């Protein structure tokens, strides 16, 4: 016998997530599908911390940087590794507020690789993000800019380990790989 998915509406999933234990797992929703990923590894956390330390001083005045901040974006509920806003997000208990990000960053892991490479670029482009950065395990960085309403990115640049790239959108910064 094969198990079949049972359709569940987003409100039911959001209630489930709100009541779930806070044990480090990430809960995301993609068209009624609940996606649960394990807590981030030490290496993943190190990448995130290093990137946070690099991005924060480059932000324009009044902009905000958040780590593992839940968002409603592109019709989905996601928890990116890093998110940049052009204003301070509201202080709310809402798990996935509808706030337009300027930059969304995902650090790949084995359990998230396919979504980070295929699904999430579309989510973030459709959701109005100005840029999407994806960091691979070898620290190759993919910089997506100039989104289309169809969920595509007009420009994708790659920073390989040992190189750097000056980026202007959504704010000026020089990204280097490895990120340290």
N, C-alpha and C. Protein backbone atom coordinates (compact mmCIF):
# COMPACT_ATOMS: atom_id res chain seq x y z
N UNK A 1 0.84 -1.16 0.00
CA UNK A 1 0.00 0.00 0.00
C UNK A 1 0.89 1.24 0.00
N UNK A 2 0.49 2.24 -0.76
CA UNK A 2 1.23 3.49 -0.85
C UNK A 2 0.45 4.58 -0.12
N UNK A 3 1.16 5.33 0.68
CA UNK A 3 0.52 6.44 1.39
C UNK A 3 0.26 7.58 0.42
N UNK A 4 -0.88 8.19 0.55
CA UNK A 4 -1.24 9.33 -0.29
C UNK A 4 -1.26 10.59 0.56
N UNK A 5 -0.79 11.70 0.00
CA UNK A 5 -0.85 12.95 0.76
C UNK A 5 -2.30 13.31 1.09
N UNK A 6 -2.48 13.86 2.25
CA UNK A 6 -3.80 14.31 2.67
C UNK A 6 -3.80 15.84 2.58
N UNK A 7 -4.72 16.40 1.78
CA UNK A 7 -4.73 17.86 1.66
C UNK A 7 -5.09 18.51 3.00
N UNK A 8 -4.33 19.51 3.34
CA UNK A 8 -4.55 20.25 4.58
C UNK A 8 -4.43 21.73 4.21
N UNK A 9 -5.31 22.55 4.77
CA UNK A 9 -5.20 23.97 4.42
C UNK A 9 -4.12 24.66 5.26
N UNK A 10 -3.68 25.81 4.78
CA UNK A 10 -2.59 26.52 5.43
C UNK A 10 -2.91 26.89 6.88
N UNK A 11 -4.16 27.23 7.17
CA UNK A 11 -4.50 27.60 8.55
C UNK A 11 -4.26 26.43 9.50
N UNK A 12 -4.61 25.21 9.07
CA UNK A 12 -4.36 24.03 9.91
C UNK A 12 -2.87 23.83 10.11
N UNK A 13 -2.10 23.99 9.04
CA UNK A 13 -0.64 23.83 9.15
C UNK A 13 -0.04 24.89 10.05
N UNK A 14 -0.51 26.12 9.94
CA UNK A 14 0.02 27.19 10.79
C UNK A 14 -0.30 26.93 12.26
N UNK A 15 -1.49 26.40 12.55
CA UNK A 15 -1.83 26.04 13.93
C UNK A 15 -0.91 24.93 14.44
N UNK A 16 -0.66 23.93 13.58
CA UNK A 16 0.24 22.83 13.95
C UNK A 16 1.64 23.38 14.27
N UNK A 17 2.15 24.24 13.41
CA UNK A 17 3.49 24.80 13.60
C UNK A 17 3.55 25.63 14.88
N UNK A 18 2.52 26.42 15.15
CA UNK A 18 2.49 27.26 16.35
C UNK A 18 2.55 26.41 17.62
N UNK A 19 1.98 25.21 17.55
CA UNK A 19 1.94 24.33 18.72
C UNK A 19 3.11 23.35 18.76
N UNK A 20 3.92 23.29 17.71
CA UNK A 20 5.05 22.35 17.65
C UNK A 20 6.12 22.77 18.65
N UNK A 21 6.89 21.80 19.14
CA UNK A 21 7.96 22.16 20.07
C UNK A 21 9.02 23.02 19.37
N UNK A 22 9.60 23.93 20.11
CA UNK A 22 10.67 24.78 19.58
C UNK A 22 11.99 24.03 19.80
N UNK A 23 12.28 23.11 18.88
CA UNK A 23 13.43 22.23 19.03
C UNK A 23 14.50 22.44 17.96
N UNK A 24 14.45 23.57 17.28
CA UNK A 24 15.46 23.87 16.27
C UNK A 24 15.08 23.47 14.86
N UNK A 25 14.01 22.69 14.70
CA UNK A 25 13.56 22.33 13.35
C UNK A 25 12.94 23.56 12.69
N UNK A 26 13.03 23.59 11.37
CA UNK A 26 12.39 24.67 10.60
C UNK A 26 11.14 24.09 9.95
N UNK A 27 10.08 24.87 10.00
CA UNK A 27 8.82 24.47 9.39
C UNK A 27 8.48 25.46 8.29
N UNK A 28 8.34 24.95 7.07
CA UNK A 28 7.98 25.78 5.93
C UNK A 28 6.78 25.14 5.24
N UNK A 29 6.01 25.96 4.53
CA UNK A 29 4.81 25.46 3.85
C UNK A 29 4.90 25.83 2.38
N UNK A 30 4.74 24.81 1.53
CA UNK A 30 4.77 24.99 0.08
C UNK A 30 3.49 24.40 -0.50
N UNK A 31 2.53 25.27 -0.84
CA UNK A 31 1.27 24.82 -1.43
C UNK A 31 0.60 23.71 -0.64
N UNK A 32 0.48 23.89 0.67
CA UNK A 32 -0.19 22.92 1.51
C UNK A 32 0.69 21.77 1.97
N UNK A 33 1.94 21.73 1.54
CA UNK A 33 2.88 20.68 1.97
C UNK A 33 3.74 21.23 3.10
N UNK A 34 3.76 20.53 4.22
CA UNK A 34 4.60 20.91 5.35
C UNK A 34 6.00 20.35 5.14
N UNK A 35 6.98 21.22 5.18
CA UNK A 35 8.38 20.81 5.00
C UNK A 35 9.08 21.04 6.33
N UNK A 36 9.63 19.98 6.90
CA UNK A 36 10.34 20.07 8.17
C UNK A 36 11.80 19.74 7.92
N UNK A 37 12.68 20.65 8.30
CA UNK A 37 14.12 20.40 8.13
C UNK A 37 14.77 20.36 9.50
N UNK A 38 15.83 19.56 9.64
CA UNK A 38 16.49 19.43 10.93
C UNK A 38 17.23 20.70 11.33
N UNK A 39 17.61 20.79 12.60
CA UNK A 39 18.40 21.95 13.02
C UNK A 39 19.67 22.05 12.18
N UNK A 40 20.14 23.27 11.98
CA UNK A 40 21.34 23.50 11.17
C UNK A 40 22.58 22.92 11.84
N UNK A 41 23.49 22.42 11.01
CA UNK A 41 24.76 21.88 11.50
C UNK A 41 25.66 23.01 11.98
N UNK A 42 26.73 22.66 12.66
CA UNK A 42 27.70 23.66 13.10
C UNK A 42 28.31 24.41 11.93
N UNK A 43 28.61 23.70 10.86
CA UNK A 43 29.20 24.35 9.68
C UNK A 43 28.21 25.35 9.07
N UNK A 44 26.96 24.92 8.97
CA UNK A 44 25.90 25.79 8.46
C UNK A 44 25.80 27.06 9.32
N UNK A 45 25.80 26.88 10.62
CA UNK A 45 25.73 28.02 11.54
C UNK A 45 26.94 28.93 11.39
N UNK A 46 28.13 28.34 11.19
CA UNK A 46 29.34 29.15 11.01
C UNK A 46 29.24 29.99 9.75
N UNK A 47 28.76 29.41 8.64
CA UNK A 47 28.55 30.18 7.40
C UNK A 47 27.60 31.34 7.67
N UNK A 48 26.49 31.03 8.33
CA UNK A 48 25.49 32.06 8.61
C UNK A 48 26.02 33.18 9.47
N UNK A 49 26.77 32.84 10.52
CA UNK A 49 27.34 33.86 11.40
C UNK A 49 28.35 34.73 10.66
N UNK A 50 29.20 34.10 9.86
CA UNK A 50 30.20 34.86 9.09
C UNK A 50 29.52 35.80 8.09
N UNK A 51 28.48 35.31 7.44
CA UNK A 51 27.77 36.14 6.47
C UNK A 51 27.04 37.29 7.18
N UNK A 52 26.45 37.00 8.32
CA UNK A 52 25.79 38.04 9.11
C UNK A 52 26.78 39.15 9.44
N UNK A 53 27.97 38.75 9.92
CA UNK A 53 29.00 39.72 10.29
C UNK A 53 29.49 40.53 9.09
N UNK A 54 29.47 39.95 7.90
CA UNK A 54 29.88 40.66 6.68
C UNK A 54 28.80 41.63 6.20
N UNK A 55 27.54 41.19 6.24
CA UNK A 55 26.44 41.97 5.68
C UNK A 55 26.04 43.14 6.59
N UNK A 56 25.99 42.90 7.86
CA UNK A 56 25.44 43.92 8.77
C UNK A 56 26.08 45.30 8.62
N UNK A 57 27.41 45.43 8.61
CA UNK A 57 27.97 46.78 8.48
C UNK A 57 27.79 47.40 7.09
N UNK A 58 27.44 46.61 6.10
CA UNK A 58 27.25 47.13 4.73
C UNK A 58 25.84 47.68 4.50
N UNK A 59 24.93 47.43 5.43
CA UNK A 59 23.54 47.85 5.23
C UNK A 59 23.38 49.37 5.30
N UNK A 60 22.52 49.91 4.45
CA UNK A 60 22.19 51.33 4.56
C UNK A 60 21.50 51.62 5.90
N UNK A 61 21.57 52.86 6.34
CA UNK A 61 20.90 53.26 7.59
C UNK A 61 19.42 52.92 7.54
N UNK A 62 18.92 52.38 8.64
CA UNK A 62 17.50 52.05 8.75
C UNK A 62 17.14 50.66 8.25
N UNK A 63 18.08 49.98 7.57
CA UNK A 63 17.80 48.63 7.09
C UNK A 63 18.03 47.64 8.23
N UNK A 64 17.41 46.46 8.12
CA UNK A 64 17.48 45.46 9.18
C UNK A 64 17.88 44.10 8.61
N UNK A 65 18.66 43.36 9.39
CA UNK A 65 19.11 42.01 9.03
C UNK A 65 18.59 41.05 10.09
N UNK A 66 18.00 39.95 9.65
CA UNK A 66 17.47 38.94 10.57
C UNK A 66 17.97 37.56 10.18
N UNK A 67 18.15 36.71 11.20
CA UNK A 67 18.61 35.34 11.02
C UNK A 67 17.44 34.40 11.28
N UNK A 68 17.20 33.47 10.36
CA UNK A 68 16.10 32.49 10.47
C UNK A 68 14.77 33.17 10.80
N UNK A 69 14.40 34.13 9.98
CA UNK A 69 13.18 34.92 10.16
C UNK A 69 12.10 34.35 9.24
N UNK A 70 10.96 33.94 9.80
CA UNK A 70 9.87 33.40 8.99
C UNK A 70 9.19 34.48 8.16
N UNK A 71 8.83 34.11 6.92
CA UNK A 71 8.20 35.04 5.98
C UNK A 71 7.07 34.36 5.24
N UNK A 72 6.03 35.11 4.93
CA UNK A 72 5.07 34.70 3.91
C UNK A 72 5.54 35.38 2.63
N UNK A 73 5.91 34.58 1.64
CA UNK A 73 6.50 35.14 0.43
C UNK A 73 6.18 34.25 -0.76
N UNK A 74 5.78 34.87 -1.85
CA UNK A 74 5.49 34.10 -3.05
C UNK A 74 4.40 33.06 -2.84
N UNK A 75 3.47 33.33 -1.90
CA UNK A 75 2.39 32.39 -1.63
C UNK A 75 2.80 31.23 -0.75
N UNK A 76 4.00 31.27 -0.19
CA UNK A 76 4.49 30.20 0.68
C UNK A 76 4.94 30.79 2.01
N UNK A 77 5.23 29.89 2.95
CA UNK A 77 5.78 30.30 4.23
C UNK A 77 7.19 29.70 4.29
N UNK A 78 8.19 30.57 4.43
CA UNK A 78 9.58 30.13 4.39
C UNK A 78 10.33 30.68 5.60
N UNK A 79 11.45 30.02 5.91
CA UNK A 79 12.34 30.47 6.98
C UNK A 79 13.75 30.53 6.39
N UNK A 80 14.09 31.62 5.70
CA UNK A 80 15.43 31.73 5.13
C UNK A 80 16.50 31.85 6.22
N UNK A 81 17.73 31.55 5.84
CA UNK A 81 18.83 31.69 6.79
C UNK A 81 19.05 33.15 7.19
N UNK A 82 19.08 34.04 6.21
CA UNK A 82 19.22 35.47 6.47
C UNK A 82 18.22 36.23 5.61
N UNK A 83 17.71 37.33 6.15
CA UNK A 83 16.80 38.19 5.41
C UNK A 83 17.16 39.64 5.71
N UNK A 84 17.17 40.46 4.65
CA UNK A 84 17.42 41.90 4.81
C UNK A 84 16.15 42.65 4.40
N UNK A 85 15.77 43.61 5.24
CA UNK A 85 14.62 44.48 4.98
C UNK A 85 15.10 45.92 4.88
N UNK A 86 14.36 46.75 4.15
CA UNK A 86 14.74 48.17 4.06
C UNK A 86 14.12 49.00 5.18
N UNK A 87 13.62 48.32 6.20
CA UNK A 87 13.07 48.96 7.39
C UNK A 87 13.09 47.92 8.50
N UNK A 88 12.87 48.36 9.70
CA UNK A 88 12.80 47.44 10.83
C UNK A 88 11.48 46.68 10.74
N UNK A 89 11.51 45.33 10.74
CA UNK A 89 10.23 44.61 10.68
C UNK A 89 9.44 44.80 11.97
N UNK A 90 8.12 44.69 11.89
CA UNK A 90 7.31 44.91 13.09
C UNK A 90 7.61 43.86 14.16
N UNK A 91 7.47 44.27 15.40
CA UNK A 91 7.65 43.38 16.54
C UNK A 91 6.33 42.62 16.72
N UNK A 92 6.30 41.39 16.25
CA UNK A 92 5.06 40.62 16.23
C UNK A 92 5.32 39.18 16.63
N UNK A 93 4.27 38.51 17.11
CA UNK A 93 4.35 37.09 17.39
C UNK A 93 3.96 36.25 16.18
N UNK A 94 3.56 36.92 15.11
CA UNK A 94 3.17 36.21 13.89
C UNK A 94 4.37 35.42 13.37
N UNK A 95 4.16 34.13 13.06
CA UNK A 95 5.26 33.26 12.64
C UNK A 95 5.79 33.60 11.25
N UNK A 96 4.92 33.99 10.33
CA UNK A 96 5.30 34.23 8.93
C UNK A 96 4.67 35.53 8.44
N UNK A 97 5.15 36.68 8.94
CA UNK A 97 4.53 37.93 8.49
C UNK A 97 4.76 38.18 7.00
N UNK A 98 3.84 38.91 6.42
CA UNK A 98 3.93 39.27 5.00
C UNK A 98 4.70 40.59 4.92
N UNK A 99 6.02 40.48 4.73
CA UNK A 99 6.91 41.64 4.65
C UNK A 99 7.80 41.43 3.44
N UNK A 100 7.91 42.46 2.61
CA UNK A 100 8.75 42.33 1.42
C UNK A 100 10.23 42.43 1.79
N UNK A 101 11.02 41.38 1.52
CA UNK A 101 12.45 41.44 1.79
C UNK A 101 13.20 42.08 0.63
N UNK A 102 14.33 42.68 0.93
CA UNK A 102 15.20 43.18 -0.13
C UNK A 102 16.18 42.10 -0.56
N UNK A 103 16.64 41.29 0.41
CA UNK A 103 17.58 40.20 0.14
C UNK A 103 17.18 38.99 0.95
N UNK A 104 17.24 37.82 0.32
CA UNK A 104 17.01 36.56 1.01
C UNK A 104 18.24 35.69 0.76
N UNK A 105 18.74 35.03 1.82
CA UNK A 105 19.92 34.18 1.71
C UNK A 105 19.59 32.79 2.22
N UNK A 106 19.97 31.79 1.44
CA UNK A 106 19.84 30.39 1.86
C UNK A 106 21.22 29.75 1.82
N UNK A 107 21.54 29.02 2.88
CA UNK A 107 22.77 28.23 2.95
C UNK A 107 22.36 26.79 2.75
N UNK A 108 22.84 26.19 1.68
CA UNK A 108 22.43 24.83 1.34
C UNK A 108 22.89 23.81 2.37
N UNK A 109 22.05 22.81 2.55
CA UNK A 109 22.43 21.61 3.28
C UNK A 109 21.89 20.44 2.46
N UNK A 110 22.27 19.25 2.82
CA UNK A 110 21.82 18.08 2.06
C UNK A 110 20.30 18.03 2.00
N UNK A 111 19.65 18.33 3.12
CA UNK A 111 18.19 18.21 3.16
C UNK A 111 17.45 19.34 2.44
N UNK A 112 18.14 20.44 2.12
CA UNK A 112 17.45 21.58 1.49
C UNK A 112 17.94 21.90 0.09
N UNK A 113 18.93 21.18 -0.39
CA UNK A 113 19.59 21.52 -1.66
C UNK A 113 18.61 21.70 -2.82
N UNK A 114 17.72 20.74 -3.04
CA UNK A 114 16.81 20.83 -4.18
C UNK A 114 15.90 22.05 -4.08
N UNK A 115 15.32 22.27 -2.92
CA UNK A 115 14.44 23.43 -2.76
C UNK A 115 15.21 24.74 -2.88
N UNK A 116 16.41 24.79 -2.30
CA UNK A 116 17.20 26.02 -2.37
C UNK A 116 17.61 26.35 -3.80
N UNK A 117 17.79 25.33 -4.63
CA UNK A 117 18.22 25.55 -6.02
C UNK A 117 17.05 25.72 -6.98
N UNK A 118 15.94 25.06 -6.73
CA UNK A 118 14.84 25.02 -7.71
C UNK A 118 13.63 25.82 -7.25
N UNK A 119 13.07 25.47 -6.11
CA UNK A 119 11.81 26.08 -5.66
C UNK A 119 11.98 27.49 -5.12
N UNK A 120 12.93 27.66 -4.21
CA UNK A 120 13.03 28.93 -3.50
C UNK A 120 13.42 30.12 -4.38
N UNK A 121 14.28 29.95 -5.39
CA UNK A 121 14.52 31.11 -6.26
C UNK A 121 13.21 31.66 -6.86
N UNK A 122 12.31 30.75 -7.23
CA UNK A 122 11.02 31.19 -7.78
C UNK A 122 10.18 31.86 -6.70
N UNK A 123 10.11 31.26 -5.51
CA UNK A 123 9.32 31.85 -4.42
C UNK A 123 9.76 33.28 -4.18
N UNK A 124 11.08 33.46 -4.05
CA UNK A 124 11.60 34.76 -3.67
C UNK A 124 11.45 35.78 -4.79
N UNK A 125 11.62 35.36 -6.03
CA UNK A 125 11.42 36.29 -7.16
C UNK A 125 9.95 36.72 -7.22
N UNK A 126 9.03 35.77 -7.12
CA UNK A 126 7.60 36.09 -7.16
C UNK A 126 7.18 36.93 -5.95
N UNK A 127 7.86 36.73 -4.83
CA UNK A 127 7.50 37.43 -3.59
C UNK A 127 8.06 38.83 -3.48
N UNK A 128 8.80 39.28 -4.49
CA UNK A 128 9.26 40.66 -4.50
C UNK A 128 10.64 40.92 -3.93
N UNK A 129 11.40 39.86 -3.60
CA UNK A 129 12.77 40.08 -3.14
C UNK A 129 13.59 40.69 -4.28
N UNK A 130 14.49 41.60 -3.95
CA UNK A 130 15.36 42.21 -4.95
C UNK A 130 16.54 41.31 -5.31
N UNK A 131 16.93 40.46 -4.35
CA UNK A 131 18.09 39.59 -4.58
C UNK A 131 17.94 38.32 -3.76
N UNK A 132 18.57 37.26 -4.27
CA UNK A 132 18.60 35.96 -3.59
C UNK A 132 20.03 35.44 -3.70
N UNK A 133 20.63 35.15 -2.56
CA UNK A 133 21.97 34.55 -2.55
C UNK A 133 21.83 33.13 -2.04
N UNK A 134 22.53 32.22 -2.70
CA UNK A 134 22.55 30.81 -2.29
C UNK A 134 24.00 30.39 -2.09
N UNK A 135 24.32 29.88 -0.91
CA UNK A 135 25.67 29.45 -0.59
C UNK A 135 25.69 27.93 -0.57
N UNK A 136 26.57 27.35 -1.39
CA UNK A 136 26.71 25.89 -1.46
C UNK A 136 27.70 25.42 -0.39
N UNK A 137 27.75 24.11 -0.18
CA UNK A 137 28.62 23.53 0.85
C UNK A 137 30.09 23.85 0.61
N UNK A 138 30.51 23.98 -0.66
CA UNK A 138 31.92 24.32 -0.95
C UNK A 138 32.16 25.82 -0.91
N UNK A 139 31.15 26.58 -0.49
CA UNK A 139 31.16 28.04 -0.35
C UNK A 139 31.10 28.79 -1.68
N UNK A 140 30.70 28.10 -2.75
CA UNK A 140 30.36 28.81 -3.98
C UNK A 140 29.09 29.60 -3.69
N UNK A 141 29.07 30.87 -4.11
CA UNK A 141 27.92 31.74 -3.85
C UNK A 141 27.25 32.08 -5.18
N UNK A 142 25.95 31.88 -5.26
CA UNK A 142 25.15 32.25 -6.43
C UNK A 142 24.36 33.50 -6.07
N UNK A 143 24.56 34.57 -6.83
CA UNK A 143 23.91 35.85 -6.57
C UNK A 143 22.87 36.09 -7.65
N UNK A 144 21.60 36.04 -7.28
CA UNK A 144 20.48 36.26 -8.20
C UNK A 144 19.96 37.68 -8.00
N UNK A 145 19.81 38.44 -9.10
CA UNK A 145 19.26 39.79 -9.01
C UNK A 145 18.31 40.03 -10.18
N UNK A 146 17.58 41.13 -10.11
CA UNK A 146 16.63 41.54 -11.14
C UNK A 146 15.55 40.47 -11.39
N UNK A 147 14.66 40.27 -10.40
CA UNK A 147 13.61 39.26 -10.54
C UNK A 147 12.53 39.66 -11.54
N UNK A 148 11.88 38.64 -12.10
CA UNK A 148 10.73 38.86 -12.97
C UNK A 148 9.48 38.43 -12.23
N UNK A 149 8.33 38.88 -12.70
CA UNK A 149 7.06 38.49 -12.07
C UNK A 149 6.74 37.03 -12.33
N UNK A 150 7.44 36.41 -13.29
CA UNK A 150 7.23 34.99 -13.59
C UNK A 150 8.04 34.07 -12.67
N UNK A 151 8.78 34.65 -11.73
CA UNK A 151 9.55 33.83 -10.80
C UNK A 151 10.94 33.48 -11.29
N UNK A 152 11.45 34.24 -12.24
CA UNK A 152 12.80 34.02 -12.76
C UNK A 152 13.70 35.18 -12.34
N UNK A 153 14.99 34.99 -12.52
CA UNK A 153 15.97 36.04 -12.23
C UNK A 153 16.70 36.39 -13.51
N UNK A 154 16.75 37.68 -13.84
CA UNK A 154 17.41 38.12 -15.07
C UNK A 154 18.92 37.98 -15.00
N UNK A 155 19.47 38.06 -13.80
CA UNK A 155 20.92 37.99 -13.67
C UNK A 155 21.29 37.01 -12.56
N UNK A 156 22.20 36.10 -12.86
CA UNK A 156 22.74 35.17 -11.87
C UNK A 156 24.26 35.18 -12.04
N UNK A 157 24.95 35.57 -10.98
CA UNK A 157 26.41 35.56 -11.01
C UNK A 157 26.92 34.57 -9.97
N UNK A 158 28.08 34.00 -10.25
CA UNK A 158 28.64 32.96 -9.39
C UNK A 158 30.00 33.42 -8.86
N UNK A 159 30.17 33.27 -7.55
CA UNK A 159 31.44 33.57 -6.90
C UNK A 159 32.02 32.24 -6.44
N UNK A 160 33.09 31.83 -7.05
CA UNK A 160 33.74 30.56 -6.71
C UNK A 160 34.73 30.78 -5.56
N UNK A 161 35.04 29.73 -4.80
CA UNK A 161 36.02 29.88 -3.72
C UNK A 161 37.33 30.47 -4.25
N UNK A 162 37.84 31.44 -3.50
CA UNK A 162 39.07 32.12 -3.89
C UNK A 162 38.84 33.38 -4.70
N UNK A 163 37.58 33.75 -4.94
CA UNK A 163 37.30 34.95 -5.72
C UNK A 163 36.34 35.87 -4.96
N UNK A 164 36.10 37.05 -5.54
CA UNK A 164 35.19 38.01 -4.93
C UNK A 164 34.42 38.73 -6.01
N UNK A 165 33.35 39.39 -5.61
CA UNK A 165 32.49 40.10 -6.55
C UNK A 165 31.91 41.33 -5.86
N UNK A 166 32.02 42.48 -6.52
CA UNK A 166 31.37 43.69 -6.01
C UNK A 166 29.92 43.66 -6.47
N UNK A 167 29.03 43.82 -5.52
CA UNK A 167 27.59 43.76 -5.78
C UNK A 167 26.99 45.12 -5.46
N UNK A 168 26.05 45.56 -6.27
CA UNK A 168 25.39 46.85 -6.05
C UNK A 168 23.95 46.70 -5.56
N UNK A 169 23.31 45.59 -5.87
CA UNK A 169 21.89 45.41 -5.53
C UNK A 169 21.73 44.28 -4.52
N UNK A 170 20.97 44.46 -3.50
CA UNK A 170 20.15 45.62 -3.18
C UNK A 170 20.90 46.71 -2.41
N UNK A 171 22.17 46.47 -2.08
CA UNK A 171 23.03 47.47 -1.44
C UNK A 171 24.47 47.12 -1.82
N UNK A 172 25.37 48.09 -1.81
CA UNK A 172 26.75 47.80 -2.21
C UNK A 172 27.48 46.96 -1.16
N UNK A 173 28.15 45.92 -1.64
CA UNK A 173 28.95 45.04 -0.77
C UNK A 173 29.91 44.26 -1.66
N UNK A 174 31.05 43.90 -1.11
CA UNK A 174 31.97 43.00 -1.81
C UNK A 174 31.84 41.64 -1.13
N UNK A 175 31.40 40.65 -1.90
CA UNK A 175 31.26 39.28 -1.40
C UNK A 175 32.49 38.49 -1.79
N UNK A 176 33.04 37.77 -0.84
CA UNK A 176 34.19 36.91 -1.08
C UNK A 176 33.82 35.48 -0.74
N UNK A 177 34.46 34.57 -1.41
CA UNK A 177 34.33 33.17 -1.05
C UNK A 177 35.74 32.63 -0.86
N UNK A 178 36.04 31.98 0.24
CA UNK A 178 35.11 31.61 1.30
C UNK A 178 34.68 32.82 2.14
N UNK A 179 33.51 32.67 2.72
CA UNK A 179 32.93 33.73 3.55
C UNK A 179 33.50 33.56 4.95
N UNK A 180 34.36 34.45 5.33
CA UNK A 180 34.98 34.40 6.67
C UNK A 180 35.12 35.80 7.22
